[in-house]
Amino acid sequence: MTLRILKQLMAFRIILLASFLMSAAGCTQETPGDEEPVSDSGQSSPIPVHAAKVARVTLKPTLNLVGVITSIPERTAIVSPQIGGWVQELKVVEGQIIHANDPLLEFDKRAALIAVKRAQAVVAQTAAVVKRMETGYLPQEIAGARKDAEQAAATVDGLSSELTALKKLLDRREISGSCTKQNSKH
């Protein structure tokens, strides 16, 4: 053996002997807390004992495991609804075996009912427009429209004659064009 290995072996033996001596010395000494409590009569005090009621129970073994759980591909299906929305009720639990046509969940119907009401309103409005086109306008409506057209024509005639008069004044330089432009801006 080499000198280095011999030195290491000797150091290990010294450490082992010192550990043995210290543990042996510790076993023979008494510590202050090792004394038994003594009552006034010179006897040691009683040790408290707690009692519990005995009951028969079935023990269920449990296992704590770490690992990865994979599903069986033949027994797994991906489900995606054709519509979206808020789920009101889930009718199955995870791991439950289901069959074709079993309900899985129920959507909240409020948004769909609102959409149906809106569609019904559009249908009713379109039906009213179609009916109006089929029956035509009422005589009162036609008379009111003619009256409105006559008033509009009278307004156009009045404004045309006023424009003609203003052009004549402008041509004779009785009014200036800058005033007309300023007034038209306001």
N, C-alpha and C. Protein backbone atom coordinates (compact mmCIF):
# COMPACT_ATOMS: atom_id res chain seq x y z
N MET A 1 0.83 -1.18 0.00
CA MET A 1 0.00 0.00 0.00
C MET A 1 0.87 1.24 0.00
N THR A 2 0.29 2.24 -0.52
CA THR A 2 1.06 3.46 -0.60
C THR A 2 0.95 4.21 0.71
N LEU A 3 1.84 5.11 0.89
CA LEU A 3 1.91 5.90 2.11
C LEU A 3 0.68 6.77 2.29
N ARG A 4 0.18 7.28 1.20
CA ARG A 4 -1.00 8.15 1.26
C ARG A 4 -2.21 7.37 1.76
N ILE A 5 -2.44 6.17 1.24
CA ILE A 5 -3.58 5.36 1.66
C ILE A 5 -3.43 4.98 3.13
N LEU A 6 -2.22 4.67 3.58
CA LEU A 6 -1.99 4.34 4.98
C LEU A 6 -2.32 5.51 5.90
N LYS A 7 -1.96 6.73 5.48
CA LYS A 7 -2.26 7.92 6.28
C LYS A 7 -3.77 8.11 6.37
N GLN A 8 -4.47 7.91 5.27
CA GLN A 8 -5.93 8.07 5.28
C GLN A 8 -6.59 7.02 6.16
N LEU A 9 -6.10 5.79 6.11
CA LEU A 9 -6.64 4.71 6.94
C LEU A 9 -6.40 4.99 8.42
N MET A 10 -5.27 5.51 8.75
CA MET A 10 -4.94 5.85 10.14
C MET A 10 -5.82 7.00 10.63
N ALA A 11 -6.04 7.99 9.81
CA ALA A 11 -6.89 9.12 10.19
C ALA A 11 -8.33 8.64 10.40
N PHE A 12 -8.80 7.69 9.57
CA PHE A 12 -10.15 7.16 9.72
C PHE A 12 -10.28 6.40 11.03
N ARG A 13 -9.27 5.62 11.40
CA ARG A 13 -9.29 4.85 12.65
C ARG A 13 -9.30 5.78 13.86
N ILE A 14 -8.57 6.87 13.78
CA ILE A 14 -8.52 7.82 14.90
C ILE A 14 -9.89 8.48 15.07
N ILE A 15 -10.50 8.87 13.97
CA ILE A 15 -11.83 9.51 14.02
C ILE A 15 -12.86 8.52 14.57
N LEU A 16 -12.77 7.26 14.15
CA LEU A 16 -13.71 6.24 14.61
C LEU A 16 -13.53 5.98 16.11
N LEU A 17 -12.33 5.91 16.59
CA LEU A 17 -12.05 5.69 18.01
C LEU A 17 -12.53 6.88 18.84
N ALA A 18 -12.33 8.11 18.35
CA ALA A 18 -12.77 9.31 19.08
C ALA A 18 -14.30 9.35 19.16
N SER A 19 -14.97 8.96 18.11
CA SER A 19 -16.43 8.94 18.11
C SER A 19 -16.95 7.92 19.10
N PHE A 20 -16.32 6.75 19.16
CA PHE A 20 -16.73 5.71 20.09
C PHE A 20 -16.53 6.15 21.54
N LEU A 21 -15.43 6.78 21.82
CA LEU A 21 -15.15 7.24 23.19
C LEU A 21 -16.13 8.34 23.61
N MET A 22 -16.47 9.22 22.74
CA MET A 22 -17.40 10.30 23.10
C MET A 22 -18.80 9.75 23.32
N SER A 23 -19.21 8.79 22.52
CA SER A 23 -20.55 8.24 22.72
C SER A 23 -20.60 7.41 24.00
N ALA A 24 -19.54 6.71 24.32
CA ALA A 24 -19.51 5.92 25.55
C ALA A 24 -19.50 6.85 26.76
N ALA A 25 -18.80 7.92 26.70
CA ALA A 25 -18.76 8.87 27.81
C ALA A 25 -20.12 9.52 27.99
N GLY A 26 -20.85 9.78 26.92
CA GLY A 26 -22.16 10.40 27.00
C GLY A 26 -23.20 9.48 27.60
N CYS A 27 -23.03 8.16 27.47
CA CYS A 27 -24.00 7.21 28.01
C CYS A 27 -23.90 7.08 29.51
N THR A 28 -22.78 7.37 30.09
CA THR A 28 -22.61 7.19 31.53
C THR A 28 -22.99 8.42 32.31
N GLN A 29 -23.05 9.57 31.72
CA GLN A 29 -23.37 10.79 32.46
C GLN A 29 -24.88 10.99 32.51
N GLU A 30 -25.35 11.49 33.63
CA GLU A 30 -26.76 11.81 33.76
C GLU A 30 -26.97 13.28 33.45
N THR A 31 -28.05 13.55 32.77
CA THR A 31 -28.38 14.94 32.47
C THR A 31 -29.38 15.43 33.51
N PRO A 32 -29.49 16.74 33.72
CA PRO A 32 -30.37 17.25 34.75
C PRO A 32 -31.85 16.94 34.49
N GLY A 33 -32.27 16.72 33.29
CA GLY A 33 -33.68 16.47 33.00
C GLY A 33 -34.07 15.01 33.15
N ASP A 34 -33.10 14.08 33.40
CA ASP A 34 -33.38 12.66 33.48
C ASP A 34 -33.94 12.23 34.83
N GLU A 35 -33.96 13.09 35.80
CA GLU A 35 -34.45 12.72 37.12
C GLU A 35 -35.96 12.57 37.08
N GLU A 36 -36.50 11.59 37.81
CA GLU A 36 -37.93 11.41 37.90
C GLU A 36 -38.48 12.39 38.92
N PRO A 37 -39.67 12.95 38.63
CA PRO A 37 -40.25 13.87 39.60
C PRO A 37 -40.66 13.11 40.86
N VAL A 38 -40.38 13.71 41.96
CA VAL A 38 -40.67 13.07 43.25
C VAL A 38 -41.69 13.92 43.98
N SER A 39 -42.74 13.28 44.53
CA SER A 39 -43.74 14.02 45.29
C SER A 39 -43.23 14.31 46.69
N ASP A 40 -44.01 14.98 47.50
CA ASP A 40 -43.61 15.35 48.86
C ASP A 40 -43.40 14.13 49.74
N SER A 41 -44.09 13.02 49.41
CA SER A 41 -43.96 11.82 50.24
C SER A 41 -42.75 11.00 49.87
N GLY A 42 -42.02 11.40 48.86
CA GLY A 42 -40.81 10.70 48.49
C GLY A 42 -41.03 9.71 47.36
N GLN A 43 -42.23 9.54 46.90
CA GLN A 43 -42.51 8.62 45.81
C GLN A 43 -42.54 9.40 44.49
N SER A 44 -42.35 8.71 43.40
CA SER A 44 -42.39 9.37 42.09
C SER A 44 -43.84 9.66 41.72
N SER A 45 -44.06 10.77 40.98
CA SER A 45 -45.42 11.19 40.62
C SER A 45 -45.97 10.30 39.51
N PRO A 46 -47.33 10.15 39.46
CA PRO A 46 -47.92 9.27 38.45
C PRO A 46 -47.79 9.86 37.04
N ILE A 47 -47.75 9.00 36.09
CA ILE A 47 -47.67 9.40 34.69
C ILE A 47 -49.10 9.51 34.17
N PRO A 48 -49.48 10.64 33.51
CA PRO A 48 -50.85 10.78 33.02
C PRO A 48 -51.12 9.80 31.86
N VAL A 49 -52.32 9.22 31.86
CA VAL A 49 -52.73 8.27 30.83
C VAL A 49 -54.03 8.79 30.22
N HIS A 50 -54.12 8.78 28.89
CA HIS A 50 -55.33 9.21 28.18
C HIS A 50 -56.02 7.98 27.60
N ALA A 51 -57.34 7.92 27.78
CA ALA A 51 -58.11 6.79 27.26
C ALA A 51 -58.99 7.26 26.11
N ALA A 52 -59.25 6.38 25.19
CA ALA A 52 -60.12 6.69 24.06
C ALA A 52 -61.08 5.53 23.86
N LYS A 53 -62.25 5.82 23.30
CA LYS A 53 -63.25 4.80 23.04
C LYS A 53 -62.81 3.97 21.84
N VAL A 54 -62.97 2.70 21.93
CA VAL A 54 -62.58 1.81 20.84
C VAL A 54 -63.77 1.66 19.90
N ALA A 55 -63.49 1.76 18.62
CA ALA A 55 -64.54 1.59 17.62
C ALA A 55 -64.02 0.72 16.50
N ARG A 56 -64.91 -0.11 15.95
CA ARG A 56 -64.51 -0.98 14.85
C ARG A 56 -64.76 -0.22 13.55
N VAL A 57 -63.75 -0.04 12.74
CA VAL A 57 -63.87 0.64 11.46
C VAL A 57 -63.16 -0.20 10.41
N THR A 58 -63.56 0.02 9.17
CA THR A 58 -62.90 -0.65 8.07
C THR A 58 -61.83 0.28 7.52
N LEU A 59 -60.64 -0.20 7.50
CA LEU A 59 -59.55 0.60 6.96
C LEU A 59 -59.48 0.40 5.46
N LYS A 60 -59.42 1.51 4.76
CA LYS A 60 -59.34 1.46 3.30
C LYS A 60 -57.93 1.85 2.90
N PRO A 61 -57.23 0.95 2.26
CA PRO A 61 -55.85 1.30 1.87
C PRO A 61 -55.84 2.34 0.76
N THR A 62 -54.89 3.22 0.83
CA THR A 62 -54.71 4.22 -0.21
C THR A 62 -53.30 4.11 -0.76
N LEU A 63 -53.17 4.47 -2.00
CA LEU A 63 -51.86 4.47 -2.64
C LEU A 63 -51.58 5.87 -3.15
N ASN A 64 -50.45 6.39 -2.88
CA ASN A 64 -50.01 7.66 -3.45
C ASN A 64 -49.05 7.33 -4.59
N LEU A 65 -49.48 7.65 -5.80
CA LEU A 65 -48.69 7.31 -6.97
C LEU A 65 -48.34 8.56 -7.76
N VAL A 66 -47.28 8.49 -8.48
CA VAL A 66 -46.88 9.55 -9.38
C VAL A 66 -46.73 8.93 -10.75
N GLY A 67 -47.33 9.56 -11.75
CA GLY A 67 -47.22 9.00 -13.08
C GLY A 67 -48.05 9.78 -14.07
N VAL A 68 -48.28 9.20 -15.22
CA VAL A 68 -49.05 9.83 -16.29
C VAL A 68 -50.22 8.91 -16.62
N ILE A 69 -51.42 9.49 -16.70
CA ILE A 69 -52.60 8.72 -17.08
C ILE A 69 -52.91 9.04 -18.54
N THR A 70 -53.05 8.02 -19.33
CA THR A 70 -53.41 8.24 -20.73
C THR A 70 -54.74 7.56 -20.98
N SER A 71 -55.52 8.16 -21.87
CA SER A 71 -56.83 7.61 -22.17
C SER A 71 -56.70 6.52 -23.23
N ILE A 72 -57.72 5.68 -23.27
CA ILE A 72 -57.76 4.62 -24.27
C ILE A 72 -58.33 5.26 -25.54
N PRO A 73 -57.58 5.28 -26.63
CA PRO A 73 -58.04 5.99 -27.83
C PRO A 73 -59.38 5.48 -28.35
N GLU A 74 -59.66 4.18 -28.20
CA GLU A 74 -60.91 3.64 -28.72
C GLU A 74 -62.12 4.12 -27.91
N ARG A 75 -61.88 4.58 -26.69
CA ARG A 75 -62.98 4.99 -25.81
C ARG A 75 -63.00 6.49 -25.57
N THR A 76 -62.31 7.24 -26.41
CA THR A 76 -62.24 8.69 -26.26
C THR A 76 -62.82 9.34 -27.51
N ALA A 77 -63.58 10.39 -27.30
CA ALA A 77 -64.14 11.12 -28.45
C ALA A 77 -64.00 12.61 -28.19
N ILE A 78 -63.78 13.35 -29.25
CA ILE A 78 -63.73 14.81 -29.16
C ILE A 78 -65.10 15.34 -29.56
N VAL A 79 -65.68 16.16 -28.69
CA VAL A 79 -67.02 16.69 -28.91
C VAL A 79 -66.92 18.18 -29.12
N SER A 80 -67.54 18.68 -30.19
CA SER A 80 -67.59 20.12 -30.41
C SER A 80 -68.98 20.47 -30.92
N PRO A 81 -69.65 21.42 -30.26
CA PRO A 81 -71.01 21.78 -30.70
C PRO A 81 -70.97 22.62 -31.97
N GLN A 82 -72.10 22.62 -32.68
CA GLN A 82 -72.20 23.41 -33.90
C GLN A 82 -72.50 24.86 -33.58
N ILE A 83 -72.95 25.14 -32.39
CA ILE A 83 -73.23 26.50 -31.96
C ILE A 83 -72.43 26.79 -30.70
N GLY A 84 -72.32 28.05 -30.38
CA GLY A 84 -71.62 28.44 -29.16
C GLY A 84 -72.57 29.13 -28.22
N GLY A 85 -72.14 29.33 -27.00
CA GLY A 85 -72.95 30.03 -26.03
C GLY A 85 -72.55 29.65 -24.62
N TRP A 86 -73.30 30.17 -23.66
CA TRP A 86 -73.05 29.90 -22.25
C TRP A 86 -73.72 28.58 -21.88
N VAL A 87 -73.02 27.75 -21.13
CA VAL A 87 -73.57 26.47 -20.69
C VAL A 87 -74.41 26.71 -19.45
N GLN A 88 -75.66 26.25 -19.50
CA GLN A 88 -76.57 26.40 -18.35
C GLN A 88 -76.45 25.19 -17.43
N GLU A 89 -76.37 23.99 -18.01
CA GLU A 89 -76.33 22.78 -17.19
C GLU A 89 -75.47 21.74 -17.88
N LEU A 90 -74.57 21.11 -17.12
CA LEU A 90 -73.75 20.02 -17.62
C LEU A 90 -74.40 18.73 -17.15
N LYS A 91 -74.75 17.85 -18.08
CA LYS A 91 -75.55 16.67 -17.76
C LYS A 91 -74.73 15.39 -17.60
N VAL A 92 -73.41 15.47 -17.72
CA VAL A 92 -72.55 14.30 -17.54
C VAL A 92 -71.39 14.67 -16.63
N VAL A 93 -70.73 13.65 -16.10
CA VAL A 93 -69.54 13.87 -15.28
C VAL A 93 -68.34 13.26 -15.99
N GLU A 94 -67.18 13.69 -15.63
CA GLU A 94 -65.96 13.22 -16.27
C GLU A 94 -65.81 11.72 -16.04
N GLY A 95 -65.52 11.00 -17.09
CA GLY A 95 -65.32 9.56 -17.01
C GLY A 95 -66.60 8.74 -17.21
N GLN A 96 -67.75 9.40 -17.28
CA GLN A 96 -69.02 8.69 -17.46
C GLN A 96 -69.10 8.13 -18.87
N ILE A 97 -69.61 6.92 -19.00
CA ILE A 97 -69.80 6.32 -20.32
C ILE A 97 -71.11 6.86 -20.88
N ILE A 98 -71.06 7.34 -22.11
CA ILE A 98 -72.25 7.89 -22.75
C ILE A 98 -72.52 7.14 -24.04
N HIS A 99 -73.74 7.27 -24.52
CA HIS A 99 -74.15 6.60 -25.75
C HIS A 99 -74.61 7.64 -26.76
N ALA A 100 -74.82 7.22 -27.99
CA ALA A 100 -75.27 8.13 -29.04
C ALA A 100 -76.61 8.76 -28.63
N ASN A 101 -76.75 10.04 -28.92
CA ASN A 101 -77.95 10.83 -28.65
C ASN A 101 -78.18 11.11 -27.17
N ASP A 102 -77.23 10.81 -26.30
CA ASP A 102 -77.35 11.20 -24.89
C ASP A 102 -77.08 12.70 -24.79
N PRO A 103 -77.91 13.47 -24.08
CA PRO A 103 -77.61 14.90 -23.92
C PRO A 103 -76.40 15.09 -23.02
N LEU A 104 -75.48 15.93 -23.46
CA LEU A 104 -74.26 16.19 -22.70
C LEU A 104 -74.36 17.46 -21.88
N LEU A 105 -74.98 18.49 -22.47
CA LEU A 105 -75.10 19.78 -21.79
C LEU A 105 -76.30 20.51 -22.33
N GLU A 106 -76.66 21.58 -21.62
CA GLU A 106 -77.77 22.43 -22.06
C GLU A 106 -77.26 23.86 -22.09
N PHE A 107 -77.46 24.51 -23.24
CA PHE A 107 -77.03 25.89 -23.37
C PHE A 107 -78.05 26.83 -22.74
N ASP A 108 -77.59 28.01 -22.37
CA ASP A 108 -78.48 29.06 -21.87
C ASP A 108 -79.30 29.55 -23.06
N LYS A 109 -80.63 29.53 -22.93
CA LYS A 109 -81.51 29.81 -24.06
C LYS A 109 -81.82 31.30 -24.23
N ARG A 110 -81.45 32.14 -23.29
CA ARG A 110 -81.85 33.55 -23.36
C ARG A 110 -81.34 34.26 -24.61
N ALA A 111 -80.08 34.08 -24.97
CA ALA A 111 -79.52 34.74 -26.15
C ALA A 111 -80.21 34.24 -27.43
N ALA A 112 -80.50 32.95 -27.49
CA ALA A 112 -81.18 32.39 -28.67
C ALA A 112 -82.60 32.93 -28.77
N LEU A 113 -83.29 33.07 -27.65
CA LEU A 113 -84.66 33.60 -27.68
C LEU A 113 -84.69 35.05 -28.15
N ILE A 114 -83.70 35.83 -27.74
CA ILE A 114 -83.61 37.22 -28.20
C ILE A 114 -83.37 37.25 -29.71
N ALA A 115 -82.50 36.39 -30.22
CA ALA A 115 -82.23 36.34 -31.66
C ALA A 115 -83.49 35.92 -32.43
N VAL A 116 -84.27 34.99 -31.87
CA VAL A 116 -85.51 34.57 -32.53
C VAL A 116 -86.50 35.74 -32.57
N LYS A 117 -86.64 36.48 -31.47
CA LYS A 117 -87.56 37.63 -31.43
C LYS A 117 -87.14 38.68 -32.47
N ARG A 118 -85.84 38.93 -32.58
CA ARG A 118 -85.36 39.90 -33.57
C ARG A 118 -85.69 39.43 -34.99
N ALA A 119 -85.46 38.14 -35.25
CA ALA A 119 -85.76 37.61 -36.58
C ALA A 119 -87.26 37.69 -36.87
N GLN A 120 -88.08 37.43 -35.88
CA GLN A 120 -89.54 37.53 -36.06
C GLN A 120 -89.94 38.98 -36.37
N ALA A 121 -89.29 39.95 -35.72
CA ALA A 121 -89.60 41.36 -35.99
C ALA A 121 -89.21 41.74 -37.41
N VAL A 122 -88.06 41.25 -37.89
CA VAL A 122 -87.64 41.53 -39.27
C VAL A 122 -88.61 40.91 -40.26
N VAL A 123 -89.06 39.68 -39.98
CA VAL A 123 -90.02 39.02 -40.86
C VAL A 123 -91.33 39.81 -40.91
N ALA A 124 -91.80 40.27 -39.73
CA ALA A 124 -93.05 41.04 -39.69
C ALA A 124 -92.91 42.36 -40.45
N GLN A 125 -91.78 43.04 -40.30
CA GLN A 125 -91.55 44.30 -41.00
C GLN A 125 -91.51 44.06 -42.52
N THR A 126 -90.83 43.03 -42.96
CA THR A 126 -90.75 42.72 -44.38
C THR A 126 -92.13 42.35 -44.93
N ALA A 127 -92.90 41.60 -44.14
CA ALA A 127 -94.25 41.25 -44.58
C ALA A 127 -95.12 42.50 -44.74
N ALA A 128 -94.96 43.48 -43.86
CA ALA A 128 -95.72 44.73 -43.97
C ALA A 128 -95.32 45.49 -45.24
N VAL A 129 -94.03 45.51 -45.56
CA VAL A 129 -93.57 46.19 -46.78
C VAL A 129 -94.14 45.49 -48.01
N VAL A 130 -94.13 44.15 -48.03
CA VAL A 130 -94.68 43.40 -49.16
C VAL A 130 -96.17 43.67 -49.31
N LYS A 131 -96.88 43.70 -48.20
CA LYS A 131 -98.33 43.97 -48.25
C LYS A 131 -98.58 45.36 -48.80
N ARG A 132 -97.78 46.33 -48.37
CA ARG A 132 -97.93 47.71 -48.85
C ARG A 132 -97.72 47.77 -50.35
N MET A 133 -96.73 47.02 -50.84
CA MET A 133 -96.46 47.02 -52.28
C MET A 133 -97.60 46.35 -53.05
N GLU A 134 -98.16 45.30 -52.47
CA GLU A 134 -99.25 44.60 -53.15
C GLU A 134 -100.54 45.43 -53.20
N THR A 135 -100.85 46.12 -52.11
CA THR A 135 -102.10 46.87 -52.04
C THR A 135 -101.98 48.28 -52.58
N GLY A 136 -100.80 48.83 -52.62
CA GLY A 136 -100.60 50.19 -53.10
C GLY A 136 -100.86 51.20 -51.97
N TYR A 137 -100.71 52.47 -52.33
CA TYR A 137 -100.90 53.52 -51.35
C TYR A 137 -102.37 53.87 -51.21
N LEU A 138 -102.73 54.37 -50.03
CA LEU A 138 -104.10 54.82 -49.78
C LEU A 138 -104.33 56.17 -50.47
N PRO A 139 -105.57 56.48 -50.82
CA PRO A 139 -105.85 57.76 -51.48
C PRO A 139 -105.43 58.97 -50.64
N GLN A 140 -105.56 58.89 -49.33
CA GLN A 140 -105.15 60.00 -48.46
C GLN A 140 -103.64 60.22 -48.55
N GLU A 141 -102.89 59.12 -48.61
CA GLU A 141 -101.44 59.23 -48.71
C GLU A 141 -101.04 59.85 -50.06
N ILE A 142 -101.72 59.47 -51.10
CA ILE A 142 -101.42 60.02 -52.43
C ILE A 142 -101.72 61.52 -52.45
N ALA A 143 -102.85 61.93 -51.87
CA ALA A 143 -103.22 63.35 -51.83
C ALA A 143 -102.21 64.14 -51.01
N GLY A 144 -101.77 63.62 -49.88
CA GLY A 144 -100.76 64.29 -49.05
C GLY A 144 -99.45 64.45 -49.79
N ALA A 145 -99.04 63.41 -50.52
CA ALA A 145 -97.80 63.47 -51.29
C ALA A 145 -97.89 64.50 -52.40
N ARG A 146 -99.06 64.60 -53.08
CA ARG A 146 -99.23 65.61 -54.14
C ARG A 146 -99.15 67.01 -53.56
N LYS A 147 -99.77 67.19 -52.38
CA LYS A 147 -99.74 68.51 -51.74
C LYS A 147 -98.30 68.90 -51.39
N ASP A 148 -97.54 67.94 -50.85
CA ASP A 148 -96.14 68.20 -50.50
C ASP A 148 -95.33 68.54 -51.76
N ALA A 149 -95.59 67.85 -52.86
CA ALA A 149 -94.88 68.11 -54.12
C ALA A 149 -95.22 69.50 -54.64
N GLU A 150 -96.49 69.91 -54.53
CA GLU A 150 -96.88 71.24 -54.99
C GLU A 150 -96.21 72.33 -54.15
N GLN A 151 -96.12 72.11 -52.83
CA GLN A 151 -95.45 73.10 -51.97
C GLN A 151 -93.97 73.18 -52.31
N ALA A 152 -93.35 72.05 -52.55
CA ALA A 152 -91.93 72.06 -52.92
C ALA A 152 -91.72 72.79 -54.25
N ALA A 153 -92.61 72.57 -55.22
CA ALA A 153 -92.49 73.25 -56.52
C ALA A 153 -92.66 74.76 -56.35
N ALA A 154 -93.60 75.17 -55.48
CA ALA A 154 -93.81 76.60 -55.24
C ALA A 154 -92.58 77.21 -54.58
N THR A 155 -91.97 76.49 -53.68
CA THR A 155 -90.75 76.99 -53.03
C THR A 155 -89.63 77.12 -54.05
N VAL A 156 -89.49 76.17 -54.93
CA VAL A 156 -88.45 76.23 -55.97
C VAL A 156 -88.71 77.43 -56.89
N ASP A 157 -89.96 77.66 -57.29
CA ASP A 157 -90.29 78.80 -58.14
C ASP A 157 -89.95 80.12 -57.45
N GLY A 158 -90.31 80.23 -56.18
CA GLY A 158 -90.04 81.46 -55.43
C GLY A 158 -88.55 81.73 -55.32
N LEU A 159 -87.78 80.70 -55.03
CA LEU A 159 -86.34 80.87 -54.91
C LEU A 159 -85.70 81.17 -56.26
N SER A 160 -86.21 80.59 -57.32
CA SER A 160 -85.69 80.87 -58.67
C SER A 160 -85.91 82.32 -59.05
N SER A 161 -87.11 82.85 -58.77
CA SER A 161 -87.38 84.26 -59.10
C SER A 161 -86.54 85.20 -58.25
N GLU A 162 -86.30 84.85 -57.00
CA GLU A 162 -85.44 85.67 -56.14
C GLU A 162 -84.02 85.66 -56.65
N LEU A 163 -83.55 84.52 -57.10
CA LEU A 163 -82.19 84.40 -57.64
C LEU A 163 -82.06 85.24 -58.92
N THR A 164 -83.04 85.21 -59.75
CA THR A 164 -83.02 86.00 -60.99
C THR A 164 -82.95 87.49 -60.67
N ALA A 165 -83.74 87.96 -59.68
CA ALA A 165 -83.74 89.38 -59.29
C ALA A 165 -82.38 89.77 -58.74
N LEU A 166 -81.78 88.90 -57.93
CA LEU A 166 -80.47 89.20 -57.36
C LEU A 166 -79.39 89.26 -58.43
N LYS A 167 -79.48 88.43 -59.45
CA LYS A 167 -78.50 88.45 -60.53
C LYS A 167 -78.59 89.77 -61.32
N LYS A 168 -79.82 90.23 -61.48
CA LYS A 168 -79.99 91.50 -62.21
C LYS A 168 -79.39 92.64 -61.41
N LEU A 169 -79.61 92.66 -60.09
CA LEU A 169 -79.03 93.70 -59.24
C LEU A 169 -77.50 93.62 -59.25
N LEU A 170 -77.00 92.46 -59.28
CA LEU A 170 -75.55 92.26 -59.30
C LEU A 170 -74.97 92.73 -60.62
N ASP A 171 -75.66 92.45 -61.73
CA ASP A 171 -75.19 92.89 -63.04
C ASP A 171 -75.18 94.42 -63.14
N ARG A 172 -76.13 95.08 -62.50
CA ARG A 172 -76.18 96.55 -62.54
C ARG A 172 -75.30 97.16 -61.45
N ARG A 173 -74.61 96.33 -60.72
CA ARG A 173 -73.71 96.73 -59.65
C ARG A 173 -74.42 97.51 -58.55
N GLU A 174 -75.68 97.19 -58.35
CA GLU A 174 -76.42 97.80 -57.24
C GLU A 174 -76.11 97.06 -55.93
N ILE A 175 -75.65 95.85 -56.06
CA ILE A 175 -75.16 95.10 -54.89
C ILE A 175 -73.80 94.55 -55.26
N SER A 176 -72.97 94.28 -54.23
CA SER A 176 -71.64 93.75 -54.53
C SER A 176 -71.65 92.23 -54.34
N GLY A 177 -70.78 91.59 -55.07
CA GLY A 177 -70.67 90.12 -55.00
C GLY A 177 -70.07 89.65 -53.69
N SER A 178 -69.22 90.49 -53.03
CA SER A 178 -68.59 90.08 -51.79
C SER A 178 -69.63 89.94 -50.68
N CYS A 179 -70.64 90.76 -50.66
CA CYS A 179 -71.70 90.65 -49.64
C CYS A 179 -72.45 89.35 -49.82
N THR A 180 -72.70 89.00 -51.08
CA THR A 180 -73.44 87.77 -51.36
C THR A 180 -72.64 86.57 -50.89
N LYS A 181 -71.31 86.60 -51.13
CA LYS A 181 -70.46 85.48 -50.70
C LYS A 181 -70.41 85.40 -49.19
N GLN A 182 -70.31 86.56 -48.50
CA GLN A 182 -70.25 86.57 -47.05
C GLN A 182 -71.55 86.04 -46.47
N ASN A 183 -72.67 86.47 -47.05
CA ASN A 183 -73.96 86.00 -46.54
C ASN A 183 -74.13 84.48 -46.81
N SER A 184 -73.58 84.00 -47.90
CA SER A 184 -73.75 82.58 -48.20
C SER A 184 -72.89 81.72 -47.27
N LYS A 185 -71.79 82.30 -46.73
CA LYS A 185 -70.97 81.55 -45.79
C LYS A 185 -71.69 81.37 -44.48
N HIS A 186 -72.43 82.37 -44.06
CA HIS A 186 -73.11 82.27 -42.76
C HIS A 186 -74.36 81.52 -42.99
